[in-house]
Amino acid sequence: MSRYSPSFSTALLAAVLLSLLPQGIAATGDESVAVPQVDPVPCMAAISANDDDRIISTCGVVIDNDKTGKADRIKALIARAGALQRKDMIDRAIEDYSTVLRLDPSLADIFNARGELWRKKGDRPKALQDFGAALKLNPNHPLAKANYKSLALELERLGALLAVNNKPSFNCATAKRPVEKAICGNPELANLDREINAVNTRVVRDAIRTDRRAGRALQREQDDFLARRNAAFGQGDYDLQKVMRERLDHLLAIGH
């Protein structure tokens, strides 16, 4: 008769089998397998080698593994975001930077980096928000300061342009000539008129700096154009838009 009971033998066998399982893997009642901790070394080596393809592949393994430590995951995410950005995969890079900031919202550099990507995508409000967040964390952050200032000025200029968009160089409320009323009623003509006036002003001003007589001659040329336009509008096959476009092209050529 055996010295060991069946229950003792079964327990012993189970213990032996458990001891044979690879480290980091444990058997459960439903025989599920735990995910082993991933080695971050290949990812870090790819970062050191500046190999974007390897960074994306090897660091992706580190990022997706549940056993990866927070510090290693952040390093891998930042590295992959940079590689994705260099490959012009902007949306994915933004996602990685956003994940980094969820893990550690104290990283001013990452707010600034994500802000630059939002700006590249054309989302100026989000970019300005990120630059502001970076400056809140580090008021002396040089890149964030420069980015915030330049974007604020850009938004100011856009606001000024929107204020005059589809408006001519003159006041439509006091327009009396038929040609002026036609310009006021057509956004494209209104924008052309404003551009003509702006370019002519610049061309005349630049000419006066070196030769006042030449500057006055250019202004008389503009006055003659307006007089001909006013007189010819409505006659026969007169094409106001074509005439205005030709005048703008002529002024632009002089300005160059």
Foldseek 3Di string as FASTA:
>chain_A
DDPDDPVVVVVVVVVVVQVPDDPPFGQDPVRDTADRQDDLVQLVVCLVVVPLVSLQPSLVVLLPHPNRDLVSNLVSLQSNLVSCVVVVVLVSSLVSLVVSCVSPVLDLVSLQVSLVSCVVVVNLVSSLVSLVSSCVSPVVPPSSVVSNVVSVVVVVVVVVCVVCQLAAPDDCVPDDQPVSVVSSVDSVSRVLRRLLVVLLVVLLVVCCVPPPVVSVVSVVVVVVLVVCLSVCPPPDPDDNVVSSVVSSVVSVVSVD
